[in-house]
Amino acid sequence: MNESIPSGKIRDFLLTLQKDEITEHEIYAKIAAGTRDHHNRQVLEDIAVQEYEHYLIWKKYTGKDVDPDALRIWYYYSLTRIFGITFAVKLMEGIEKRAQKTYRDIGKVVPEMNEILSREESHEKQLIGLLNEERLRYLGSVVLGLNDALVEFTGSLAGFTFALQNTRIIAMAGLIMGIAASLSMAASEYLSQRSEAGNEVTNPAKASAYTGVAYIFTVILLVLPFLLLENSYSALILTLAAAVVVIFIFTFYISVAKDLSFRQRFIEMATISLGIAAISFAIGMVIRIFLGVSG
C-alpha cells in the first residue's frame, strides 16, 4: 500500500531521488557483472541491492516507476574500464554526497529521509572500503615513477633546451636518459619491495613494472614535443604544459581514489616540477656560457 503521495515540487524531487537510486542500482549491477574478482563482485552486488531498496522506498511516496539514466550508466561503467572500480565508485558517491546536503530539508515531509541518508552514507562507505583493486595496491609504485619522471625530466629537458638548442639532439639525449632512468627506477623499486620482509600485499616484480612503465610513459609524453617541433623553446613550453596536465589528471585520480586533498597536492607537485625546470634552465644557460658553446 502506498504512503501519502506528496504533490508539486516535493514529488518531483522525490522522483529525482528515485531515478538516482535506480540508476545507481543499474551502475553497480553492471560493474559487478563485469568484475572477475569474486570478492569485489559480491561487494558491488550488495551495494546494488541497497540502492534498489532505497528506490522502493521513494516509490512508496511517488506511486510510480521511473527508468534509469542510460547515459549515466554508460559513463560510469566506462570510467571503471579506464580508471578502475574504486575511482569510478568514489567519484559517483562523492557527487551524490554533495547533493545530499540539499536532501535533508525533505525530512520534514518524508520522515525516513534523514535515517536513509545516514544509513546509506555509512553502509556504502563500509562497502566501498572493502573493494580490493590491484591497481590501488600498486599506486605507490606508479606515484614513484610519475613523480620522479616529472620532477627529474622536466628539469633535464629545460636544461638541455638552453644548452643544446636543437630539438632532435634534445629528444635523443632525453630518450637515452629517460630509458636508462626508467630501468634504474624499476630495479630500485624491485629491490625495495624485496627488502620489505613479510610484504604480502605487493609483488616485487609487478611493483617494478608499474614504476618502470609509469616512468617511461611520462618520458615519452614529455619528449614528444621535441620530436614534433623544430623550435626548442616552443617544444619546452609544450612539454611543461603536458607536465601540468599529467600532474592535474593523476592528482585528481589519487585524490578521488584515496580520499585526499586535490588542491594541495596539485599545487605542491606543479610548483616542484616547474620550479626544478626553471632552475635547470638557468643551469643550462650558465653551462652554455661557461663552455662557450654557440649555435
Protein backbone atom coordinates (compact mmCIF):
# COMPACT_ATOMS: atom_id res chain seq x y z
CA MET A 1 0.00 0.00 0.00
CA ASN A 2 1.38 3.42 -0.99
CA GLU A 3 2.23 6.12 1.51
CA SER A 4 0.55 9.51 1.24
CA ILE A 5 1.82 10.85 -2.08
CA PRO A 6 3.28 14.39 -1.92
CA SER A 7 2.49 16.81 -4.70
CA GLY A 8 4.25 19.56 -6.63
CA LYS A 9 7.96 20.22 -6.14
CA ILE A 10 8.34 17.70 -3.32
CA ARG A 11 7.05 14.88 -5.50
CA ASP A 12 9.29 15.97 -8.41
CA PHE A 13 12.24 15.99 -6.05
CA LEU A 14 11.43 12.50 -4.80
CA LEU A 15 11.13 11.30 -8.40
CA THR A 16 14.65 12.66 -8.98
CA LEU A 17 15.90 10.74 -5.95
CA GLN A 18 14.11 7.65 -7.15
CA LYS A 19 15.71 7.95 -10.59
CA ASP A 20 19.13 8.38 -8.98
CA GLU A 21 18.68 5.24 -6.89
CA ILE A 22 17.56 3.02 -9.78
CA THR A 23 20.34 4.42 -11.95
CA GLU A 24 22.98 3.67 -9.31
CA HIS A 25 21.47 0.23 -8.79
CA GLU A 26 21.98 -0.46 -12.51
CA ILE A 27 25.50 1.01 -12.44
CA TYR A 28 26.63 -1.20 -9.56
CA ALA A 29 24.92 -4.26 -11.06
CA LYS A 30 26.59 -3.68 -14.45
CA ILE A 31 30.02 -3.13 -12.90
CA ALA A 32 29.57 -6.24 -10.74
CA ALA A 33 28.64 -8.34 -13.78
CA GLY A 34 31.89 -7.34 -15.49
CA THR A 35 34.10 -7.91 -12.42
CA ARG A 36 36.16 -11.10 -12.32
CA ASP A 37 37.26 -10.84 -8.70
CA HIS A 38 34.64 -12.70 -6.61
CA HIS A 39 35.15 -10.52 -3.52
CA ASN A 40 34.72 -7.24 -5.39
CA ARG A 41 31.75 -8.59 -7.31
CA GLN A 42 29.98 -9.52 -4.05
CA VAL A 43 30.62 -6.06 -2.56
CA LEU A 44 29.23 -4.35 -5.65
CA GLU A 45 26.19 -6.60 -5.73
CA ASP A 46 25.49 -5.76 -2.07
CA ILE A 47 25.58 -2.03 -2.85
CA ALA A 48 23.31 -2.60 -5.87
CA VAL A 49 20.75 -4.34 -3.65
CA GLN A 50 20.87 -1.47 -1.17
CA GLU A 51 20.29 1.11 -3.92
CA TYR A 52 17.27 -0.85 -5.14
CA GLU A 53 15.82 -0.95 -1.61
CA HIS A 54 16.05 2.84 -1.47
CA TYR A 55 14.39 3.07 -4.87
CA LEU A 56 11.43 1.10 -3.50
CA ILE A 57 11.15 3.45 -0.50
CA TRP A 58 10.88 6.52 -2.75
CA LYS A 59 8.42 4.63 -4.94
CA LYS A 60 6.07 4.38 -1.94
CA TYR A 61 5.88 8.18 -1.90
CA THR A 62 5.78 8.85 -5.65
CA GLY A 63 3.48 6.00 -6.57
CA LYS A 64 5.20 5.30 -9.90
CA ASP A 65 8.14 3.56 -11.56
CA VAL A 66 10.95 5.50 -13.24
CA ASP A 67 13.55 4.45 -15.78
CA PRO A 68 17.30 4.65 -15.06
CA ASP A 69 19.55 7.18 -16.79
CA ALA A 70 21.17 5.11 -19.55
CA LEU A 71 23.79 7.76 -20.36
CA ARG A 72 24.93 7.96 -16.75
CA ILE A 73 25.17 4.16 -16.55
CA TRP A 74 27.35 4.11 -19.67
CA TYR A 75 29.52 6.97 -18.36
CA TYR A 76 30.38 5.40 -15.01
CA TYR A 77 30.82 1.93 -16.47
CA SER A 78 33.27 3.41 -18.99
CA LEU A 79 35.18 5.07 -16.14
CA THR A 80 35.59 1.71 -14.42
CA ARG A 81 37.12 0.23 -17.57
CA ILE A 82 39.61 3.09 -17.87
CA PHE A 83 40.42 4.13 -14.30
CA GLY A 84 39.22 1.19 -12.21
CA ILE A 85 36.25 0.38 -9.99
CA THR A 86 37.33 2.31 -6.89
CA PHE A 87 37.88 5.58 -8.75
CA ALA A 88 34.53 5.44 -10.57
CA VAL A 89 32.58 4.42 -7.47
CA LYS A 90 34.15 7.04 -5.22
CA LEU A 91 33.67 9.74 -7.84
CA MET A 92 29.99 8.83 -8.13
CA GLU A 93 29.49 8.67 -4.36
CA GLY A 94 31.35 11.97 -3.88
CA ILE A 95 28.95 13.73 -6.25
CA GLU A 96 25.99 12.09 -4.52
CA LYS A 97 27.29 13.10 -1.08
CA ARG A 98 27.49 16.76 -2.10
CA ALA A 99 23.94 16.55 -3.43
CA GLN A 100 22.71 15.04 -0.16
CA LYS A 101 23.20 18.35 1.63
CA THR A 102 20.07 19.62 -0.10
CA TYR A 103 18.11 16.44 0.61
CA ARG A 104 17.80 16.88 4.35
CA ASP A 105 15.16 19.58 4.11
CA ILE A 106 12.81 16.98 2.66
CA GLY A 107 12.94 15.15 6.02
CA LYS A 108 10.03 17.30 7.18
CA VAL A 109 7.85 15.69 4.50
CA VAL A 110 9.45 12.23 4.36
CA PRO A 111 10.24 11.08 7.92
CA GLU A 112 12.57 8.31 6.70
CA MET A 113 14.77 10.71 4.69
CA ASN A 114 17.45 11.53 7.28
CA GLU A 115 17.63 7.96 8.51
CA ILE A 116 18.00 6.62 4.97
CA LEU A 117 20.70 9.12 4.08
CA SER A 118 22.70 8.41 7.23
CA ARG A 119 22.40 4.65 6.79
CA GLU A 120 23.25 4.86 3.10
CA GLU A 121 26.32 7.00 3.69
CA SER A 122 27.78 4.80 6.43
CA HIS A 123 26.92 1.50 4.77
CA GLU A 124 28.26 2.44 1.35
CA LYS A 125 31.42 3.84 2.90
CA GLN A 126 31.99 0.50 4.62
CA LEU A 127 31.29 -1.47 1.45
CA ILE A 128 33.49 0.71 -0.77
CA GLY A 129 36.26 0.29 1.79
CA LEU A 130 36.09 -3.46 1.18
CA LEU A 131 36.97 -3.12 -2.51
CA ASN A 132 40.36 -4.61 -3.26
CA GLU A 133 41.90 -3.48 -6.56
CA GLU A 134 45.35 -4.39 -7.78
CA ARG A 135 45.99 -1.00 -9.36
CA LEU A 136 45.43 0.71 -6.00
CA ARG A 137 47.76 -1.70 -4.21
CA TYR A 138 50.48 -0.63 -6.63
CA LEU A 139 49.54 3.04 -6.69
CA GLY A 140 52.61 3.89 -4.62
CA SER A 141 54.84 2.39 -7.32
CA VAL A 142 53.05 4.38 -10.04
CA VAL A 143 53.38 7.57 -7.98
CA LEU A 144 57.10 6.89 -7.58
CA GLY A 145 57.58 6.52 -11.33
CA LEU A 146 55.47 9.52 -12.30
CA ASN A 147 56.77 11.88 -9.63
CA ASP A 148 60.39 11.09 -10.33
CA ALA A 149 59.95 11.39 -14.09
CA LEU A 150 58.05 14.67 -13.85
CA VAL A 151 60.44 16.34 -11.44
CA GLU A 152 63.68 14.99 -12.87
CA PHE A 153 62.75 15.01 -16.53
CA THR A 154 61.14 18.42 -16.85
CA GLY A 155 64.29 19.79 -15.25
CA SER A 156 66.59 17.85 -17.56
CA LEU A 157 64.72 18.86 -20.72
CA ALA A 158 64.71 22.50 -19.62
CA GLY A 159 68.46 22.36 -19.09
CA PHE A 160 69.03 20.61 -22.43
CA THR A 161 66.87 23.21 -24.19
CA PHE A 162 69.15 26.12 -23.42
CA ALA A 163 72.40 24.14 -23.51
CA LEU A 164 71.76 22.34 -26.83
CA GLN A 165 69.04 24.35 -28.63
CA ASN A 166 68.42 21.56 -31.13
CA THR A 167 65.16 19.65 -30.77
CA ARG A 168 66.47 16.41 -32.32
CA ILE A 169 69.55 16.31 -30.13
CA ILE A 170 67.44 17.22 -27.07
CA ALA A 171 64.97 14.44 -27.89
CA MET A 172 67.78 11.92 -28.40
CA ALA A 173 69.51 12.86 -25.15
CA GLY A 174 66.17 12.86 -23.34
CA LEU A 175 65.14 9.42 -24.59
CA ILE A 176 68.50 7.85 -23.78
CA MET A 177 68.49 9.35 -20.30
CA GLY A 178 64.81 8.57 -19.78
CA ILE A 179 65.02 4.90 -20.78
CA ALA A 180 68.10 4.39 -18.62
CA ALA A 181 66.42 6.16 -15.69
CA SER A 182 63.23 4.11 -16.06
CA LEU A 183 65.21 0.87 -15.90
CA SER A 184 67.12 2.16 -12.90
CA MET A 185 63.90 3.19 -11.12
CA ALA A 186 62.27 -0.15 -11.87
CA ALA A 187 65.27 -2.04 -10.50
CA SER A 188 65.35 0.14 -7.38
CA GLU A 189 61.64 -0.46 -6.75
CA TYR A 190 62.11 -4.20 -7.19
CA LEU A 191 64.94 -4.28 -4.65
CA SER A 192 62.98 -2.02 -2.29
CA GLN A 193 59.93 -4.30 -2.36
CA ARG A 194 62.10 -7.40 -1.95
CA SER A 195 63.73 -5.90 1.13
CA GLU A 196 60.38 -5.44 2.88
CA ALA A 197 60.09 -8.74 4.68
CA GLY A 198 56.60 -10.16 5.04
CA ASN A 199 55.10 -7.86 2.42
CA GLU A 200 52.21 -9.94 1.08
CA VAL A 201 50.31 -7.02 -0.44
CA THR A 202 52.55 -6.30 -3.41
CA ASN A 203 54.59 -8.43 -5.76
CA PRO A 204 58.13 -7.00 -6.28
CA ALA A 205 58.12 -7.77 -10.00
CA LYS A 206 54.73 -6.12 -10.52
CA ALA A 207 55.71 -3.11 -8.41
CA SER A 208 58.86 -2.77 -10.51
CA ALA A 209 56.84 -2.98 -13.73
CA TYR A 210 54.34 -0.34 -12.58
CA THR A 211 57.17 2.05 -11.66
CA GLY A 212 59.08 1.49 -14.90
CA VAL A 213 56.02 1.79 -17.17
CA ALA A 214 54.83 4.96 -15.40
CA TYR A 215 58.29 6.48 -15.79
CA ILE A 216 58.77 5.61 -19.46
CA PHE A 217 55.22 6.72 -20.35
CA THR A 218 55.93 10.12 -18.79
CA VAL A 219 59.29 10.34 -20.57
CA ILE A 220 57.75 9.68 -23.99
CA LEU A 221 54.99 12.24 -23.38
CA LEU A 222 57.46 14.93 -22.34
CA VAL A 223 59.92 14.22 -25.17
CA LEU A 224 57.23 14.13 -27.87
CA PRO A 225 57.09 17.95 -28.42
CA PHE A 226 60.80 17.92 -29.25
CA LEU A 227 60.16 15.31 -31.94
CA LEU A 228 57.25 17.24 -33.42
CA LEU A 229 58.53 20.83 -33.31
CA GLU A 230 61.68 22.48 -34.63
CA ASN A 231 61.78 25.40 -32.21
CA SER A 232 63.27 24.16 -28.95
CA TYR A 233 61.66 26.87 -26.80
CA SER A 234 58.20 26.17 -28.23
CA ALA A 235 58.77 22.47 -27.58
CA LEU A 236 59.79 23.21 -23.99
CA ILE A 237 56.63 25.26 -23.39
CA LEU A 238 54.51 22.41 -24.75
CA THR A 239 56.43 19.91 -22.60
CA LEU A 240 55.82 21.96 -19.46
CA ALA A 241 52.12 22.26 -20.36
CA ALA A 242 51.96 18.48 -20.82
CA ALA A 243 53.63 18.01 -17.43
CA VAL A 244 50.99 20.20 -15.76
CA VAL A 245 48.19 18.24 -17.48
CA VAL A 246 49.68 14.91 -16.30
CA ILE A 247 50.01 16.28 -12.77
CA PHE A 248 46.40 17.51 -12.86
CA ILE A 249 44.94 14.21 -14.11
CA PHE A 250 46.97 11.97 -11.84
CA THR A 251 46.49 14.15 -8.77
CA PHE A 252 42.75 14.15 -9.40
CA TYR A 253 42.80 10.36 -9.70
CA ILE A 254 44.71 9.96 -6.43
CA SER A 255 42.56 12.48 -4.58
CA VAL A 256 39.38 10.62 -5.55
CA ALA A 257 40.68 7.05 -5.12
CA LYS A 258 42.46 7.76 -1.83
CA ASP A 259 40.16 10.48 -0.40
CA LEU A 260 42.96 13.07 -0.33
CA SER A 261 43.07 16.82 -0.87
CA PHE A 262 43.34 17.60 -4.60
CA ARG A 263 44.21 21.31 -4.44
CA GLN A 264 47.12 20.98 -2.01
CA ARG A 265 48.71 18.02 -3.79
CA PHE A 266 48.32 19.58 -7.26
CA ILE A 267 49.84 22.93 -6.26
CA GLU A 268 52.70 21.20 -4.46
CA MET A 269 53.58 18.88 -7.35
CA ALA A 270 53.20 21.53 -10.06
CA THR A 271 55.33 24.00 -8.08
CA ILE A 272 58.10 21.46 -7.57
CA SER A 273 58.18 20.32 -11.21
CA LEU A 274 58.06 23.80 -12.73
CA GLY A 275 60.48 25.14 -10.12
CA ILE A 276 63.04 22.43 -10.92
CA ALA A 277 62.56 23.15 -14.63
CA ALA A 278 63.28 26.85 -14.11
CA ILE A 279 66.41 26.11 -12.07
CA SER A 280 67.64 23.59 -14.65
CA PHE A 281 67.01 26.05 -17.49
CA ALA A 282 69.19 28.59 -15.67
CA ILE A 283 71.88 25.94 -15.10
CA GLY A 284 71.82 25.08 -18.82
CA MET A 285 72.27 28.76 -19.65
CA VAL A 286 75.24 29.08 -17.27
CA ILE A 287 76.90 25.92 -18.61
CA ARG A 288 76.42 27.04 -22.21
CA ILE A 289 78.04 30.42 -21.47
CA PHE A 290 80.84 28.87 -19.34
CA LEU A 291 81.76 26.34 -22.03
CA GLY A 292 81.45 28.91 -24.79
CA VAL A 293 79.02 26.77 -26.81
CA SER A 294 77.40 28.60 -29.71
CA GLY A 295 74.92 27.67 -32.41
